[in-house]
């Protein structure tokens, strides 16, 4: 009970108990016995964090060795936060799965092809040009320009636009067709009508076995089509 009470006080998500590391932690505390002191604020914030960073870097070594053996793909994933900043996550994919590398604030450069090229080129250098097979980004005009410049400078690698983003842009254009646009507007209107009326919403949940409708967004064109299904 003391463990769960501490979780309530610290606002730790309930699903934390499903983490693979949870049970070993409990067993380690039990093996120590009465009188064990927990880590201090400084140890959690500095000392142990540095140790965990070093451990993470060791785990990355196997991935980096795989880059040299069979090659890898650099992937960028951009998104906008609540402060309207454009953040870009950089990841490297190889046969040992995908590894997160870094997240940067690219608000000042993301719309300029030359600056975007410099950013991507820096990552190719960091991963090592000989290891990189392709660089995958979305299909924004600045990325397209950066991709062409990258292929000119480094002819042996490829720039590949993200398939999911291409499909989303295709659905955006399809959604502009008069008949499709009218149908999507009706679906969004119906969705809003149901969720703005608690009685109707409860009735829908009762007759659908507590299923929820997908909430469409104007900037995510695929979701509007999924809503219709």
C-alpha atoms as a PDB file:
ATOM      1  CA  UNK A   1       0.000   0.000   0.000  1.00  0.00           C
ATOM      2  CA  UNK A   2       2.883   2.392   0.746  1.00  0.00           C
ATOM      3  CA  UNK A   3       4.196   1.951  -2.796  1.00  0.00           C
ATOM      4  CA  UNK A   4       0.872   2.797  -4.422  1.00  0.00           C
ATOM      5  CA  UNK A   5       0.329   5.688  -2.008  1.00  0.00           C
ATOM      6  CA  UNK A   6       3.689   7.125  -3.054  1.00  0.00           C
ATOM      7  CA  UNK A   7       2.652   6.745  -6.697  1.00  0.00           C
ATOM      8  CA  UNK A   8      -0.555   8.684  -6.012  1.00  0.00           C
ATOM      9  CA  UNK A   9       1.359  11.483  -4.247  1.00  0.00           C
ATOM     10  CA  UNK A  10       3.960  11.737  -7.022  1.00  0.00           C
ATOM     11  CA  UNK A  11       1.314  11.513  -9.777  1.00  0.00           C
ATOM     12  CA  UNK A  12       3.085   8.570 -11.402  1.00  0.00           C
ATOM     13  CA  UNK A  13       0.977   7.002 -14.196  1.00  0.00           C
ATOM     14  CA  UNK A  14      -0.641   3.720 -13.162  1.00  0.00           C
ATOM     15  CA  UNK A  15       0.784   1.882 -16.177  1.00  0.00           C
ATOM     16  CA  UNK A  16       4.281   2.398 -14.714  1.00  0.00           C
ATOM     17  CA  UNK A  17       3.759  -0.882 -12.823  1.00  0.00           C
ATOM     18  CA  UNK A  18       3.724  -2.705 -16.192  1.00  0.00           C
ATOM     19  CA  UNK A  19       7.258  -1.574 -17.058  1.00  0.00           C
ATOM     20  CA  UNK A  20       9.774  -4.470 -17.186  1.00  0.00           C
ATOM     21  CA  UNK A  21      12.026  -2.543 -14.781  1.00  0.00           C
ATOM     22  CA  UNK A  22       9.352  -2.241 -12.065  1.00  0.00           C
ATOM     23  CA  UNK A  23       9.571  -5.751 -10.582  1.00  0.00           C
ATOM     24  CA  UNK A  24      13.412  -5.862 -10.489  1.00  0.00           C
ATOM     25  CA  UNK A  25      13.319  -2.550  -8.599  1.00  0.00           C
ATOM     26  CA  UNK A  26      10.892  -3.996  -6.029  1.00  0.00           C
ATOM     27  CA  UNK A  27      13.054  -7.111  -5.626  1.00  0.00           C
ATOM     28  CA  UNK A  28      16.211  -5.018  -5.178  1.00  0.00           C
ATOM     29  CA  UNK A  29      14.554  -3.038  -2.380  1.00  0.00           C
ATOM     30  CA  UNK A  30      13.360  -6.259  -0.727  1.00  0.00           C
ATOM     31  CA  UNK A  31      16.806  -7.854  -0.869  1.00  0.00           C
ATOM     32  CA  UNK A  32      18.391  -4.848   0.850  1.00  0.00           C
ATOM     33  CA  UNK A  33      15.945  -5.029   3.725  1.00  0.00           C
ATOM     34  CA  UNK A  34      14.890  -2.490   6.342  1.00  0.00           C
ATOM     35  CA  UNK A  35      16.713   0.846   6.470  1.00  0.00           C
ATOM     36  CA  UNK A  36      17.467   1.305   2.788  1.00  0.00           C
ATOM     37  CA  UNK A  37      17.800   4.970   1.837  1.00  0.00           C
ATOM     38  CA  UNK A  38      16.549   6.124  -1.536  1.00  0.00           C
ATOM     39  CA  UNK A  39      18.635   8.216  -3.951  1.00  0.00           C
ATOM     40  CA  UNK A  40      18.961  11.921  -3.151  1.00  0.00           C
ATOM     41  CA  UNK A  41      17.729  14.720  -5.404  1.00  0.00           C
ATOM     42  CA  UNK A  42      21.295  15.315  -6.625  1.00  0.00           C
ATOM     43  CA  UNK A  43      21.864  11.621  -7.355  1.00  0.00           C
ATOM     44  CA  UNK A  44      18.672  11.377  -9.385  1.00  0.00           C
ATOM     45  CA  UNK A  45      19.290  14.642 -11.229  1.00  0.00           C
ATOM     46  CA  UNK A  46      23.065  14.389 -11.817  1.00  0.00           C
ATOM     47  CA  UNK A  47      25.034  11.349 -10.634  1.00  0.00           C
ATOM     48  CA  UNK A  48      22.717   8.510 -11.643  1.00  0.00           C
ATOM     49  CA  UNK A  49      21.540  10.345 -14.748  1.00  0.00           C
ATOM     50  CA  UNK A  50      25.118  10.497 -16.035  1.00  0.00           C
ATOM     51  CA  UNK A  51      25.506   6.777 -15.346  1.00  0.00           C
ATOM     52  CA  UNK A  52      22.302   6.036 -17.250  1.00  0.00           C
ATOM     53  CA  UNK A  53      23.495   8.169 -20.165  1.00  0.00           C
ATOM     54  CA  UNK A  54      26.747   6.201 -20.279  1.00  0.00           C
ATOM     55  CA  UNK A  55      24.768   2.936 -20.226  1.00  0.00           C
ATOM     56  CA  UNK A  56      22.550   4.166 -23.062  1.00  0.00           C
ATOM     57  CA  UNK A  57      25.613   5.036 -25.140  1.00  0.00           C
ATOM     58  CA  UNK A  58      26.942   1.516 -24.562  1.00  0.00           C
ATOM     59  CA  UNK A  59      23.638   0.069 -25.781  1.00  0.00           C
ATOM     60  CA  UNK A  60      23.931   2.215 -28.914  1.00  0.00           C
ATOM     61  CA  UNK A  61      27.289   0.693 -29.856  1.00  0.00           C
ATOM     62  CA  UNK A  62      25.697  -2.475 -31.273  1.00  0.00           C
ATOM     63  CA  UNK A  63      23.483  -0.347 -33.496  1.00  0.00           C
ATOM     64  CA  UNK A  64      26.427   1.732 -34.674  1.00  0.00           C
ATOM     65  CA  UNK A  65      28.394  -1.401 -35.559  1.00  0.00           C
ATOM     66  CA  UNK A  66      25.409  -2.571 -37.605  1.00  0.00           C
ATOM     67  CA  UNK A  67      25.426   0.710 -39.548  1.00  0.00           C
ATOM     68  CA  UNK A  68      28.893  -0.131 -40.845  1.00  0.00           C
ATOM     69  CA  UNK A  69      27.976  -3.736 -41.712  1.00  0.00           C
ATOM     70  CA  UNK A  70      24.668  -3.386 -43.553  1.00  0.00           C
ATOM     71  CA  UNK A  71      24.035   0.354 -43.832  1.00  0.00           C
ATOM     72  CA  UNK A  72      21.283   2.472 -42.336  1.00  0.00           C
ATOM     73  CA  UNK A  73      18.646   5.115 -43.043  1.00  0.00           C
ATOM     74  CA  UNK A  74      18.493   8.548 -41.426  1.00  0.00           C
ATOM     75  CA  UNK A  75      14.908   9.583 -40.688  1.00  0.00           C
ATOM     76  CA  UNK A  76      13.551  12.989 -39.688  1.00  0.00           C
ATOM     77  CA  UNK A  77      10.130  13.495 -38.149  1.00  0.00           C
ATOM     78  CA  UNK A  78       8.904  17.079 -37.780  1.00  0.00           C
ATOM     79  CA  UNK A  79       6.053  18.340 -35.624  1.00  0.00           C
ATOM     80  CA  UNK A  80       4.770  21.604 -34.142  1.00  0.00           C
ATOM     81  CA  UNK A  81       4.353  22.066 -30.394  1.00  0.00           C
ATOM     82  CA  UNK A  82       1.893  24.285 -28.505  1.00  0.00           C
ATOM     83  CA  UNK A  83       4.285  27.230 -28.755  1.00  0.00           C
ATOM     84  CA  UNK A  84       4.226  26.902 -32.564  1.00  0.00           C
ATOM     85  CA  UNK A  85       7.850  25.779 -32.622  1.00  0.00           C
ATOM     86  CA  UNK A  86       8.871  23.352 -35.344  1.00  0.00           C
ATOM     87  CA  UNK A  87      10.715  20.472 -33.697  1.00  0.00           C
ATOM     88  CA  UNK A  88      12.469  17.744 -35.659  1.00  0.00           C
ATOM     89  CA  UNK A  89      13.317  14.311 -34.279  1.00  0.00           C
ATOM     90  CA  UNK A  90      16.250  12.532 -35.907  1.00  0.00           C
ATOM     91  CA  UNK A  91      16.369   8.741 -35.863  1.00  0.00           C
ATOM     92  CA  UNK A  92      18.549   6.087 -37.473  1.00  0.00           C
ATOM     93  CA  UNK A  93      17.023   2.848 -38.720  1.00  0.00           C
ATOM     94  CA  UNK A  94      18.941  -0.355 -39.405  1.00  0.00           C
ATOM     95  CA  UNK A  95      18.389  -4.110 -39.143  1.00  0.00           C
ATOM     96  CA  UNK A  96      18.559  -3.742 -35.345  1.00  0.00           C
ATOM     97  CA  UNK A  97      15.492  -1.469 -35.442  1.00  0.00           C
ATOM     98  CA  UNK A  98      15.213   2.291 -35.008  1.00  0.00           C
ATOM     99  CA  UNK A  99      17.274   4.392 -32.616  1.00  0.00           C
ATOM    100  CA  UNK A 100      16.396   7.943 -31.534  1.00  0.00           C
ATOM    101  CA  UNK A 101      19.324  10.330 -31.871  1.00  0.00           C
ATOM    102  CA  UNK A 102      18.262  13.884 -31.092  1.00  0.00           C
ATOM    103  CA  UNK A 103      15.405  16.383 -31.149  1.00  0.00           C
ATOM    104  CA  UNK A 104      16.143  19.957 -32.260  1.00  0.00           C
ATOM    105  CA  UNK A 105      14.261  23.239 -32.628  1.00  0.00           C
ATOM    106  CA  UNK A 106      14.346  23.881 -36.384  1.00  0.00           C
ATOM    107  CA  UNK A 107      11.883  26.795 -36.447  1.00  0.00           C
ATOM    108  CA  UNK A 108      14.416  29.216 -37.946  1.00  0.00           C
ATOM    109  CA  UNK A 109      15.581  26.954 -40.757  1.00  0.00           C
ATOM    110  CA  UNK A 110      12.875  24.457 -41.679  1.00  0.00           C
ATOM    111  CA  UNK A 111      11.362  26.593 -44.466  1.00  0.00           C
ATOM    112  CA  UNK A 112      14.711  27.329 -46.124  1.00  0.00           C
ATOM    113  CA  UNK A 113      16.007  24.610 -48.423  1.00  0.00           C
ATOM    114  CA  UNK A 114      19.678  25.537 -48.039  1.00  0.00           C
ATOM    115  CA  UNK A 115      19.508  25.547 -44.240  1.00  0.00           C
ATOM    116  CA  UNK A 116      17.596  22.265 -44.233  1.00  0.00           C
ATOM    117  CA  UNK A 117      20.260  20.787 -46.512  1.00  0.00           C
ATOM    118  CA  UNK A 118      23.002  21.878 -44.090  1.00  0.00           C
ATOM    119  CA  UNK A 119      21.107  20.220 -41.248  1.00  0.00           C
ATOM    120  CA  UNK A 120      20.653  16.923 -43.100  1.00  0.00           C
ATOM    121  CA  UNK A 121      24.228  17.002 -44.374  1.00  0.00           C
ATOM    122  CA  UNK A 122      25.500  17.410 -40.817  1.00  0.00           C
ATOM    123  CA  UNK A 123      23.642  14.259 -39.799  1.00  0.00           C
ATOM    124  CA  UNK A 124      25.081  12.303 -42.712  1.00  0.00           C
ATOM    125  CA  UNK A 125      28.543  13.372 -41.524  1.00  0.00           C
ATOM    126  CA  UNK A 126      27.737  12.370 -37.953  1.00  0.00           C
ATOM    127  CA  UNK A 127      26.479   8.905 -38.883  1.00  0.00           C
ATOM    128  CA  UNK A 128      29.293   8.562 -41.490  1.00  0.00           C
ATOM    129  CA  UNK A 129      28.535   8.953 -45.174  1.00  0.00           C
ATOM    130  CA  UNK A 130      29.710   5.420 -45.986  1.00  0.00           C
ATOM    131  CA  UNK A 131      27.047   3.969 -43.684  1.00  0.00           C
ATOM    132  CA  UNK A 132      24.070   5.947 -45.006  1.00  0.00           C
ATOM    133  CA  UNK A 133      21.903   4.398 -47.717  1.00  0.00           C
ATOM    134  CA  UNK A 134      19.081   6.935 -47.698  1.00  0.00           C
ATOM    135  CA  UNK A 135      17.739   9.994 -45.898  1.00  0.00           C
ATOM    136  CA  UNK A 136      13.979   9.958 -45.288  1.00  0.00           C
ATOM    137  CA  UNK A 137      12.035  13.190 -44.693  1.00  0.00           C
ATOM    138  CA  UNK A 138       8.564  14.534 -45.369  1.00  0.00           C
ATOM    139  CA  UNK A 139       7.703  16.003 -48.775  1.00  0.00           C
ATOM    140  CA  UNK A 140       7.771  19.703 -47.856  1.00  0.00           C
ATOM    141  CA  UNK A 141       9.321  21.917 -50.560  1.00  0.00           C
ATOM    142  CA  UNK A 142      12.315  22.809 -48.369  1.00  0.00           C
ATOM    143  CA  UNK A 143      13.006  19.117 -47.720  1.00  0.00           C
ATOM    144  CA  UNK A 144      12.637  18.337 -51.427  1.00  0.00           C
ATOM    145  CA  UNK A 145      15.220  21.002 -52.253  1.00  0.00           C
ATOM    146  CA  UNK A 146      17.499  19.800 -49.460  1.00  0.00           C
ATOM    147  CA  UNK A 147      17.158  16.228 -50.723  1.00  0.00           C
ATOM    148  CA  UNK A 148      18.219  17.208 -54.246  1.00  0.00           C
ATOM    149  CA  UNK A 149      21.217  19.138 -52.922  1.00  0.00           C
ATOM    150  CA  UNK A 150      22.161  16.189 -50.741  1.00  0.00           C
ATOM    151  CA  UNK A 151      22.055  13.772 -53.692  1.00  0.00           C
ATOM    152  CA  UNK A 152      24.216  16.154 -55.739  1.00  0.00           C
ATOM    153  CA  UNK A 153      26.846  16.349 -53.012  1.00  0.00           C
ATOM    154  CA  UNK A 154      26.684  12.665 -52.088  1.00  0.00           C
ATOM    155  CA  UNK A 155      25.664  10.714 -55.245  1.00  0.00           C
ATOM    156  CA  UNK A 156      25.752   7.280 -53.609  1.00  0.00           C
ATOM    157  CA  UNK A 157      22.858   7.951 -51.200  1.00  0.00           C
ATOM    158  CA  UNK A 158      19.173   8.630 -51.849  1.00  0.00           C
ATOM    159  CA  UNK A 159      16.680  11.155 -50.569  1.00  0.00           C
ATOM    160  CA  UNK A 160      13.346   9.412 -49.977  1.00  0.00           C
ATOM    161  CA  UNK A 161      10.126  11.302 -49.217  1.00  0.00           C
ATOM    162  CA  UNK A 162       8.023   9.785 -46.433  1.00  0.00           C
ATOM    163  CA  UNK A 163       5.258   7.587 -47.874  1.00  0.00           C
ATOM    164  CA  UNK A 164       2.835   8.470 -45.074  1.00  0.00           C
ATOM    165  CA  UNK A 165       3.290  12.201 -45.723  1.00  0.00           C
ATOM    166  CA  UNK A 166       2.847  11.716 -49.478  1.00  0.00           C
ATOM    167  CA  UNK A 167      -0.392   9.802 -48.885  1.00  0.00           C
ATOM    168  CA  UNK A 168      -1.583  12.527 -46.525  1.00  0.00           C
ATOM    169  CA  UNK A 169      -0.960  15.163 -49.208  1.00  0.00           C
ATOM    170  CA  UNK A 170      -2.814  13.020 -51.759  1.00  0.00           C
ATOM    171  CA  UNK A 171      -5.783  12.734 -49.399  1.00  0.00           C
ATOM    172  CA  UNK A 172      -5.673  16.498 -48.897  1.00  0.00           C
ATOM    173  CA  UNK A 173      -6.087  17.016 -52.656  1.00  0.00           C
ATOM    174  CA  UNK A 174      -8.795  14.341 -52.868  1.00  0.00           C
ATOM    175  CA  UNK A 175     -10.599  16.079 -50.013  1.00  0.00           C
ATOM    176  CA  UNK A 176     -10.840  19.243 -52.133  1.00  0.00           C
ATOM    177  CA  UNK A 177     -13.046  17.529 -54.734  1.00  0.00           C
ATOM    178  CA  UNK A 178     -16.587  18.982 -54.392  1.00  0.00           C
ATOM    179  CA  UNK A 179     -18.443  15.746 -53.590  1.00  0.00           C
ATOM    180  CA  UNK A 180     -15.729  14.465 -51.250  1.00  0.00           C
ATOM    181  CA  UNK A 181     -15.395  17.835 -49.522  1.00  0.00           C
ATOM    182  CA  UNK A 182     -19.140  17.986 -48.855  1.00  0.00           C
ATOM    183  CA  UNK A 183     -19.176  14.450 -47.423  1.00  0.00           C
ATOM    184  CA  UNK A 184     -16.194  15.140 -45.153  1.00  0.00           C
ATOM    185  CA  UNK A 185     -17.755  18.371 -43.888  1.00  0.00           C
ATOM    186  CA  UNK A 186     -20.933  16.478 -43.008  1.00  0.00           C
ATOM    187  CA  UNK A 187     -18.926  13.792 -41.189  1.00  0.00           C
ATOM    188  CA  UNK A 188     -17.031  16.399 -39.147  1.00  0.00           C
ATOM    189  CA  UNK A 189     -20.279  18.227 -38.376  1.00  0.00           C
ATOM    190  CA  UNK A 190     -21.982  15.007 -37.245  1.00  0.00           C
ATOM    191  CA  UNK A 191     -18.980  14.123 -35.105  1.00  0.00           C
ATOM    192  CA  UNK A 192     -19.093  17.503 -33.384  1.00  0.00           C
ATOM    193  CA  UNK A 193     -22.870  17.315 -32.948  1.00  0.00           C
ATOM    194  CA  UNK A 194     -22.619  13.993 -31.081  1.00  0.00           C
ATOM    195  CA  UNK A 195     -19.703  14.984 -28.837  1.00  0.00           C
ATOM    196  CA  UNK A 196     -21.294  18.305 -27.868  1.00  0.00           C
ATOM    197  CA  UNK A 197     -24.409  16.572 -26.468  1.00  0.00           C
ATOM    198  CA  UNK A 198     -23.712  14.347 -23.470  1.00  0.00           C
ATOM    199  CA  UNK A 199     -27.031  12.480 -23.688  1.00  0.00           C
ATOM    200  CA  UNK A 200     -26.494  11.597 -27.342  1.00  0.00           C
ATOM    201  CA  UNK A 201     -22.852  10.713 -26.661  1.00  0.00           C
ATOM    202  CA  UNK A 202     -23.804   8.317 -23.850  1.00  0.00           C
ATOM    203  CA  UNK A 203     -26.439   6.718 -26.081  1.00  0.00           C
ATOM    204  CA  UNK A 204     -23.882   6.203 -28.857  1.00  0.00           C
ATOM    205  CA  UNK A 205     -21.430   4.601 -26.432  1.00  0.00           C
ATOM    206  CA  UNK A 206     -24.123   2.317 -25.042  1.00  0.00           C
ATOM    207  CA  UNK A 207     -25.180   1.014 -28.458  1.00  0.00           C
ATOM    208  CA  UNK A 208     -21.620   0.720 -29.823  1.00  0.00           C
ATOM    209  CA  UNK A 209     -20.098  -1.097 -26.836  1.00  0.00           C
ATOM    210  CA  UNK A 210     -18.251   2.002 -25.529  1.00  0.00           C
ATOM    211  CA  UNK A 211     -16.546   2.658 -28.843  1.00  0.00           C
ATOM    212  CA  UNK A 212     -15.407   6.187 -29.660  1.00  0.00           C
ATOM    213  CA  UNK A 213     -15.523   8.105 -32.913  1.00  0.00           C
ATOM    214  CA  UNK A 214     -12.216   9.315 -34.290  1.00  0.00           C
ATOM    215  CA  UNK A 215     -11.983  13.077 -33.817  1.00  0.00           C
ATOM    216  CA  UNK A 216     -10.924  14.541 -37.175  1.00  0.00           C
ATOM    217  CA  UNK A 217      -8.482  17.432 -37.400  1.00  0.00           C
ATOM    218  CA  UNK A 218      -8.200  19.978 -40.194  1.00  0.00           C
ATOM    219  CA  UNK A 219      -4.429  19.522 -40.407  1.00  0.00           C
ATOM    220  CA  UNK A 220      -4.521  15.707 -40.455  1.00  0.00           C
ATOM    221  CA  UNK A 221      -6.262  14.823 -43.669  1.00  0.00           C
ATOM    222  CA  UNK A 222      -6.051  11.052 -43.276  1.00  0.00           C
ATOM    223  CA  UNK A 223      -8.083  11.131 -40.059  1.00  0.00           C
ATOM    224  CA  UNK A 224     -11.091  12.617 -41.817  1.00  0.00           C
ATOM    225  CA  UNK A 225     -11.224   9.658 -44.200  1.00  0.00           C
ATOM    226  CA  UNK A 226     -10.707   7.194 -41.336  1.00  0.00           C
ATOM    227  CA  UNK A 227     -13.651   8.836 -39.570  1.00  0.00           C
ATOM    228  CA  UNK A 228     -15.922   7.870 -42.475  1.00  0.00           C
ATOM    229  CA  UNK A 229     -14.934   4.211 -42.139  1.00  0.00           C
END
